[in-house]
Amino acid sequence: MLNNIKFIFYFFIAAAFLLTSCDQSSVTSTPDENASPGNVLSSSNGNDARDIDLGSLDSMDDINPMLAEQGLNVRLAYAETVTKANGAETAEGQTIFANDRTKRLTAQWVPGDARRDAEGNDLDYIIWDVFEPANFGTANQVSSTPAIDASFDTYNNVKKKAKLNIIKQPNTLDSPSAILGGGDPFLADISEVGFLPGIFFELVLGSGSSQNVLGVAFTFVFVDGNGNPTDVNNDGFDDIAIKEVWYNDEFLWTDQGDAGTGIDIETVALHENGHALGFGHFGKIFITNNNNKLHVSPRAVMNAIILGEQRDLLGTDKASYNSLYGNWPKN
């Protein structure tokens, strides 16, 4: 048993596979002063598909100018990251680790959006085979495809009121990344870019991210001729163009659902792909100081902190999903 709050706090920080939190980063992050133009990020011993030339990309701030230079009518809006717990607040006899009430992100998918060649109420996703393995090049290397597919299947099976159809495209060898380039970011609505070396996180998200960011979901929105986000269906949300999901291969991952052997791929994928579908964080997570008991209210996949394996949607997750996609028109 945990004997005091201090021990609980340090346990939260140390056990990344048992406890992680999500934060939203905007595109105004501080560039890495040590980065240099012409970055070739290599995760191999030779010149192969895993060697990515990012040109002059030095930070997340460089992404939108790069997209504009390419003539694309999309811009990066923000990034939802899964990180190690790095602090807590104390209030009214409680140590508070998260207290969120944002069920929806500020940008949402538009059903039947012709700009992304949408077919009715379909959203599709694709997995990039180049970075598909987790724990790449080690004795623990494992395919992530079954776990990622299972996470989308879980959402696709919530059919009470939802009118969304999640469709998988075949895995690709071509780059589907708007950030890493070299291919076509519109191969699917949601691109599972895969398990990238920590250096990619350091470059794009900033110093230290290779050690504390488990994964990130990037949101790109459509913009008009003046560079302003669009809202073509007047629902009060910016229009999502594409989503891009990364996982950090600096951590040890597992597909067995056993937190003792690593971070569960499906658990993190279920949470990050919830962001890809437009969901924010929800729930209060705190410890009552006088008895050291952990409370989660309500427990949900979209809690800002992941407490061990969670491969099934819970009540709030299902309600949010049906509320959002139940408002879509019938096919």
Protein backbone atom coordinates (compact mmCIF):
# COMPACT_ATOMS: atom_id res chain seq x y z
CA MET A 1 0.00 0.00 0.00
CA LEU A 2 1.11 3.56 -0.56
CA ASN A 3 1.85 5.29 2.72
CA ASN A 4 1.84 8.94 1.84
CA ILE A 5 1.14 11.45 -0.89
CA LYS A 6 4.81 12.03 -1.64
CA PHE A 7 5.33 8.38 -2.45
CA ILE A 8 2.19 8.34 -4.61
CA PHE A 9 3.40 11.36 -6.54
CA TYR A 10 6.79 9.86 -7.34
CA PHE A 11 5.16 6.56 -8.23
CA PHE A 12 3.01 8.44 -10.76
CA ILE A 13 6.07 10.03 -12.34
CA ALA A 14 8.16 6.87 -12.50
CA ALA A 15 5.54 4.43 -13.83
CA ALA A 16 4.93 5.79 -17.32
CA PHE A 17 3.24 2.56 -18.38
CA LEU A 18 0.74 2.85 -15.52
CA LEU A 19 0.15 6.57 -15.48
CA THR A 20 0.34 9.05 -18.34
CA SER A 21 -1.30 12.39 -18.97
CA CYS A 22 -2.29 14.33 -22.06
CA ASP A 23 -1.49 17.94 -22.88
CA GLN A 24 -2.41 20.14 -25.81
CA SER A 25 0.44 21.98 -27.54
CA SER A 26 -0.21 24.80 -29.98
CA VAL A 27 1.94 25.64 -32.99
CA THR A 28 3.59 28.46 -31.04
CA SER A 29 6.05 26.14 -29.31
CA THR A 30 9.59 27.40 -28.77
CA PRO A 31 12.08 26.22 -31.40
CA ASP A 32 15.10 24.19 -30.31
CA GLU A 33 18.03 26.59 -30.42
CA ASN A 34 20.44 23.72 -31.01
CA ALA A 35 18.65 22.46 -34.11
CA SER A 36 20.24 23.11 -37.47
CA PRO A 37 18.81 23.42 -40.99
CA GLY A 38 18.88 20.37 -43.18
CA ASN A 39 17.91 17.70 -40.65
CA VAL A 40 18.30 14.08 -41.72
CA LEU A 41 16.71 11.99 -38.99
CA SER A 42 17.92 8.43 -39.12
CA SER A 43 16.57 5.39 -37.33
CA SER A 44 18.71 2.93 -39.25
CA ASN A 45 22.32 2.13 -39.97
CA GLY A 46 22.08 2.97 -43.62
CA ASN A 47 20.25 4.95 -46.26
CA ASP A 48 16.77 3.45 -46.31
CA ALA A 49 13.12 4.42 -45.91
CA ARG A 50 13.60 5.14 -42.20
CA ASP A 51 16.06 7.97 -42.95
CA ILE A 52 13.91 11.10 -43.22
CA ASP A 53 15.24 14.37 -44.64
CA LEU A 54 13.22 17.19 -43.07
CA GLY A 55 15.06 19.95 -44.89
CA SER A 56 14.92 23.18 -42.88
CA LEU A 57 12.26 22.01 -40.42
CA ASP A 58 13.60 22.93 -36.96
CA SER A 59 10.44 23.00 -34.83
CA MET A 60 6.67 22.79 -34.92
CA ASP A 61 6.59 26.51 -35.79
CA ASP A 62 8.09 25.72 -39.20
CA ILE A 63 5.32 23.33 -40.24
CA ASN A 64 2.70 25.86 -41.36
CA PRO A 65 5.11 27.95 -43.48
CA MET A 66 6.21 24.68 -45.09
CA LEU A 67 2.58 23.75 -45.86
CA ALA A 68 1.92 27.22 -47.28
CA GLU A 69 5.02 27.00 -49.47
CA GLN A 70 3.71 23.71 -50.83
CA GLY A 71 0.43 25.44 -51.75
CA LEU A 72 -1.66 23.27 -49.41
CA ASN A 73 -4.86 24.76 -47.98
CA VAL A 74 -4.35 23.10 -44.60
CA ARG A 75 -2.58 24.29 -41.44
CA LEU A 76 -1.53 22.59 -38.22
CA ALA A 77 -3.85 23.78 -35.45
CA TYR A 78 -2.54 21.94 -32.38
CA ALA A 79 -1.11 18.70 -31.06
CA GLU A 80 -2.52 16.48 -28.31
CA THR A 81 0.34 14.72 -26.54
CA VAL A 82 0.40 11.80 -24.13
CA THR A 83 3.11 12.51 -21.54
CA LYS A 84 4.43 11.32 -18.22
CA ALA A 85 2.66 12.88 -15.25
CA ASN A 86 4.81 15.83 -14.23
CA GLY A 87 2.97 17.55 -11.44
CA ALA A 88 -0.19 17.99 -9.44
CA GLU A 89 -2.19 20.67 -7.66
CA THR A 90 -3.45 20.63 -4.09
CA ALA A 91 -6.86 21.96 -3.16
CA GLU A 92 -9.35 21.31 -0.32
CA GLY A 93 -7.51 18.28 0.99
CA GLN A 94 -6.99 16.79 -2.45
CA THR A 95 -3.98 16.27 -4.69
CA ILE A 96 -5.41 16.88 -8.17
CA PHE A 97 -3.73 15.32 -11.20
CA ALA A 98 -6.35 16.23 -13.82
CA ASN A 99 -9.67 18.03 -13.95
CA ASP A 100 -11.03 18.33 -17.48
CA ARG A 101 -14.48 18.95 -18.89
CA THR A 102 -13.72 19.41 -22.59
CA LYS A 103 -15.41 16.58 -24.44
CA ARG A 104 -14.80 17.99 -27.90
CA LEU A 105 -11.79 19.61 -29.49
CA THR A 106 -12.10 23.00 -31.18
CA ALA A 107 -11.91 21.42 -34.66
CA GLN A 108 -14.26 18.70 -35.93
CA TRP A 109 -14.77 16.56 -39.02
CA VAL A 110 -17.37 17.67 -41.57
CA PRO A 111 -19.49 14.78 -42.91
CA GLY A 112 -19.28 14.37 -46.67
CA ASP A 113 -16.60 17.07 -46.98
CA ALA A 114 -15.72 17.25 -50.70
CA ARG A 115 -12.38 18.89 -49.92
CA ARG A 116 -11.11 15.58 -48.51
CA ASP A 117 -13.09 13.47 -51.00
CA ALA A 118 -15.26 12.13 -48.18
CA GLU A 119 -17.82 9.51 -49.07
CA GLY A 120 -20.90 10.14 -46.96
CA ASN A 121 -20.22 9.55 -43.28
CA ASP A 122 -16.97 7.66 -43.79
CA LEU A 123 -13.67 8.47 -42.11
CA ASP A 124 -10.71 6.39 -43.19
CA TYR A 125 -7.31 5.69 -41.66
CA ILE A 126 -4.03 4.28 -42.89
CA ILE A 127 -0.93 2.81 -41.21
CA TRP A 128 2.55 3.60 -42.54
CA ASP A 129 4.50 0.34 -42.72
CA VAL A 130 7.89 2.08 -42.53
CA PHE A 131 7.38 2.95 -38.85
CA GLU A 132 4.75 0.32 -38.07
CA PRO A 133 6.86 -1.88 -35.73
CA ALA A 134 7.10 -0.94 -32.07
CA ASN A 135 10.43 -1.49 -30.27
CA PHE A 136 12.11 -1.41 -33.69
CA GLY A 137 15.31 -3.41 -34.04
CA THR A 138 15.14 -4.99 -30.59
CA ALA A 139 14.28 -8.46 -29.30
CA ASN A 140 10.91 -7.00 -28.25
CA GLN A 141 9.95 -5.76 -31.74
CA VAL A 142 6.24 -6.24 -32.31
CA SER A 143 3.74 -5.34 -35.03
CA SER A 144 1.47 -2.48 -33.98
CA THR A 145 -1.12 -2.99 -36.72
CA PRO A 146 -3.43 -5.39 -34.81
CA ALA A 147 -3.57 -3.11 -31.76
CA ILE A 148 -4.20 0.05 -33.81
CA ASP A 149 -6.87 -1.73 -35.87
CA ALA A 150 -8.48 -2.95 -32.64
CA SER A 151 -8.64 0.61 -31.28
CA PHE A 152 -10.56 1.80 -34.34
CA ASP A 153 -12.78 -1.30 -34.27
CA THR A 154 -13.75 -0.38 -30.71
CA TYR A 155 -14.97 3.04 -31.84
CA ASN A 156 -16.59 1.63 -34.97
CA ASN A 157 -18.69 -0.76 -32.89
CA VAL A 158 -20.39 2.06 -30.94
CA LYS A 159 -23.48 2.22 -33.08
CA LYS A 160 -26.34 3.24 -30.79
CA LYS A 161 -26.86 6.65 -32.40
CA ALA A 162 -23.57 7.27 -34.17
CA LYS A 163 -23.66 7.47 -37.95
CA LEU A 164 -19.90 7.38 -38.46
CA ASN A 165 -18.25 4.61 -40.48
CA ILE A 166 -14.51 4.13 -39.85
CA ILE A 167 -12.84 2.51 -42.84
CA LYS A 168 -9.32 1.10 -42.96
CA GLN A 169 -7.15 1.64 -46.02
CA PRO A 170 -4.43 -0.96 -46.70
CA ASN A 171 -1.09 -0.30 -45.01
CA THR A 172 1.18 1.84 -47.17
CA LEU A 173 4.89 2.11 -47.90
CA ASP A 174 4.39 5.69 -49.12
CA SER A 175 4.63 8.46 -46.56
CA PRO A 176 1.18 9.69 -45.40
CA SER A 177 2.76 12.37 -43.18
CA ALA A 178 2.23 16.08 -43.75
CA ILE A 179 5.12 16.81 -41.36
CA LEU A 180 7.74 14.30 -42.51
CA GLY A 181 6.87 14.79 -46.18
CA GLY A 182 8.01 12.66 -49.08
CA GLY A 183 4.58 11.33 -49.94
CA ASP A 184 0.88 12.18 -49.84
CA PRO A 185 -0.72 13.35 -46.55
CA PHE A 186 -4.18 12.86 -48.07
CA LEU A 187 -3.94 9.09 -48.47
CA ALA A 188 -6.44 8.90 -45.61
CA ASP A 189 -8.22 11.17 -43.17
CA ILE A 190 -6.21 9.80 -40.23
CA SER A 191 -2.60 8.77 -40.76
CA GLU A 192 -1.04 6.43 -38.21
CA VAL A 193 2.53 7.51 -38.93
CA GLY A 194 3.86 4.99 -36.44
CA PHE A 195 6.57 4.44 -33.84
CA LEU A 196 9.24 7.06 -34.45
CA PRO A 197 12.62 7.46 -32.73
CA GLY A 198 12.72 10.03 -29.95
CA ILE A 199 14.78 12.43 -32.07
CA PHE A 200 11.69 13.13 -34.18
CA PHE A 201 9.83 14.24 -31.05
CA GLU A 202 12.77 16.37 -29.92
CA LEU A 203 12.87 18.20 -33.23
CA VAL A 204 9.15 18.82 -33.70
CA LEU A 205 7.83 19.10 -30.12
CA GLY A 206 10.91 20.45 -28.37
CA SER A 207 13.70 19.48 -26.01
CA GLY A 208 12.84 16.75 -23.50
CA SER A 209 9.90 15.33 -25.43
CA SER A 210 11.71 12.12 -26.29
CA GLN A 211 11.73 11.31 -22.58
CA ASN A 212 8.18 12.28 -21.60
CA VAL A 213 5.89 12.16 -24.66
CA LEU A 214 4.40 8.74 -25.41
CA GLY A 215 2.37 9.80 -28.42
CA VAL A 216 0.88 12.78 -30.19
CA ALA A 217 -2.12 13.44 -32.43
CA PHE A 218 -1.67 16.41 -34.77
CA THR A 219 -4.77 18.26 -35.99
CA PHE A 220 -4.66 19.99 -39.38
CA VAL A 221 -7.56 22.25 -40.41
CA PHE A 222 -8.70 23.65 -43.74
CA VAL A 223 -7.98 27.36 -44.30
CA ASP A 224 -9.37 29.91 -46.73
CA GLY A 225 -7.43 32.15 -49.09
CA ASN A 226 -6.45 34.42 -46.22
CA GLY A 227 -5.13 31.57 -44.12
CA ASN A 228 -8.09 31.57 -41.71
CA PRO A 229 -9.68 28.29 -40.52
CA THR A 230 -12.95 27.49 -42.26
CA ASP A 231 -16.31 26.43 -40.84
CA VAL A 232 -18.29 25.45 -43.93
CA ASN A 233 -21.15 23.81 -42.05
CA ASN A 234 -21.48 26.61 -39.47
CA ASP A 235 -21.28 24.27 -36.48
CA GLY A 236 -18.97 26.56 -34.51
CA PHE A 237 -15.93 24.29 -35.01
CA ASP A 238 -13.01 24.62 -37.39
CA ASP A 239 -13.05 22.03 -40.18
CA ILE A 240 -10.58 19.16 -39.80
CA ALA A 241 -8.62 18.39 -42.96
CA ILE A 242 -6.38 15.52 -41.75
CA LYS A 243 -5.07 13.99 -38.53
CA GLU A 244 -1.63 12.50 -37.92
CA VAL A 245 -0.72 10.21 -35.01
CA TRP A 246 2.83 9.46 -33.79
CA TYR A 247 4.04 7.08 -31.08
CA ASN A 248 7.41 7.43 -29.32
CA ASP A 249 9.63 4.37 -29.78
CA GLU A 250 11.99 5.47 -27.00
CA PHE A 251 9.60 3.68 -24.64
CA LEU A 252 9.10 -0.06 -24.27
CA TRP A 253 5.78 -1.11 -25.81
CA THR A 254 3.70 -4.27 -25.51
CA ASP A 255 0.70 -5.73 -27.31
CA GLN A 256 -0.10 -8.07 -24.41
CA GLY A 257 -1.99 -5.62 -22.20
CA ASP A 258 0.45 -6.27 -19.37
CA ALA A 259 1.70 -3.03 -17.84
CA GLY A 260 4.57 -4.95 -16.27
CA THR A 261 6.08 -5.63 -19.70
CA GLY A 262 5.68 -2.18 -21.24
CA ILE A 263 3.17 0.43 -22.35
CA ASP A 264 0.08 -1.14 -23.90
CA ILE A 265 -0.16 -0.11 -27.56
CA GLU A 266 -3.93 -0.54 -27.81
CA THR A 267 -4.58 1.53 -24.67
CA VAL A 268 -2.59 4.51 -25.95
CA ALA A 269 -3.95 4.09 -29.50
CA LEU A 270 -7.53 4.07 -28.19
CA HIS A 271 -6.89 7.36 -26.37
CA GLU A 272 -4.93 9.10 -29.14
CA ASN A 273 -7.35 7.96 -31.83
CA GLY A 274 -10.11 9.39 -29.66
CA HIS A 275 -8.36 12.71 -30.22
CA ALA A 276 -8.17 11.87 -33.93
CA LEU A 277 -11.96 11.48 -33.91
CA GLY A 278 -12.35 14.89 -32.28
CA PHE A 279 -12.56 14.17 -28.56
CA GLY A 280 -10.87 16.12 -25.79
CA HIS A 281 -10.23 15.17 -22.19
CA PHE A 282 -12.83 14.54 -19.52
CA GLY A 283 -12.80 13.65 -15.86
CA LYS A 284 -11.29 14.57 -12.51
CA ILE A 285 -8.45 12.48 -11.12
CA PHE A 286 -7.37 13.16 -7.55
CA ILE A 287 -6.18 11.68 -4.27
CA THR A 288 -7.88 12.38 -0.96
CA ASN A 289 -4.98 13.43 1.23
CA ASN A 290 -6.28 12.12 4.54
CA ASN A 291 -6.58 8.51 3.32
CA ASN A 292 -4.35 8.40 0.21
CA LYS A 293 -7.17 6.98 -1.93
CA LEU A 294 -7.16 7.57 -5.68
CA HIS A 295 -10.44 8.75 -7.21
CA VAL A 296 -11.41 9.05 -10.89
CA SER A 297 -14.66 10.81 -11.69
CA PRO A 298 -15.74 9.57 -14.12
CA ARG A 299 -13.37 6.84 -15.30
CA ALA A 300 -12.99 7.14 -19.08
CA VAL A 301 -10.67 6.36 -21.98
CA MET A 302 -10.45 10.11 -22.51
CA ASN A 303 -9.27 10.85 -18.97
CA ALA A 304 -6.18 13.04 -19.18
CA ILE A 305 -4.30 10.34 -17.26
CA ILE A 306 -4.13 6.72 -18.37
CA LEU A 307 -4.35 4.33 -15.41
CA GLY A 308 -3.12 0.99 -16.70
CA GLU A 309 -4.69 -1.00 -19.51
CA GLN A 310 -7.97 0.37 -20.88
CA ARG A 311 -9.08 -1.23 -24.14
CA ASP A 312 -12.84 -0.70 -23.80
CA LEU A 313 -14.85 2.51 -23.99
CA LEU A 314 -16.67 3.48 -20.81
CA GLY A 315 -19.93 5.34 -20.26
CA THR A 316 -18.74 8.90 -20.83
CA ASP A 317 -16.73 7.88 -23.90
CA LYS A 318 -19.74 6.18 -25.49
CA ALA A 319 -22.06 9.06 -24.62
CA SER A 320 -19.64 11.59 -26.13
CA TYR A 321 -19.21 9.50 -29.26
CA ASN A 322 -22.95 9.10 -29.81
CA SER A 323 -23.60 12.75 -29.01
CA LEU A 324 -21.09 13.96 -31.59
CA TYR A 325 -21.66 11.47 -34.40
CA GLY A 326 -25.34 10.99 -33.67
CA ASN A 327 -25.81 14.51 -35.03
CA TRP A 328 -24.38 13.59 -38.40
CA PRO A 329 -26.94 13.25 -41.22
CA LYS A 330 -28.15 9.84 -42.27
CA ASN A 331 -26.29 8.35 -45.24
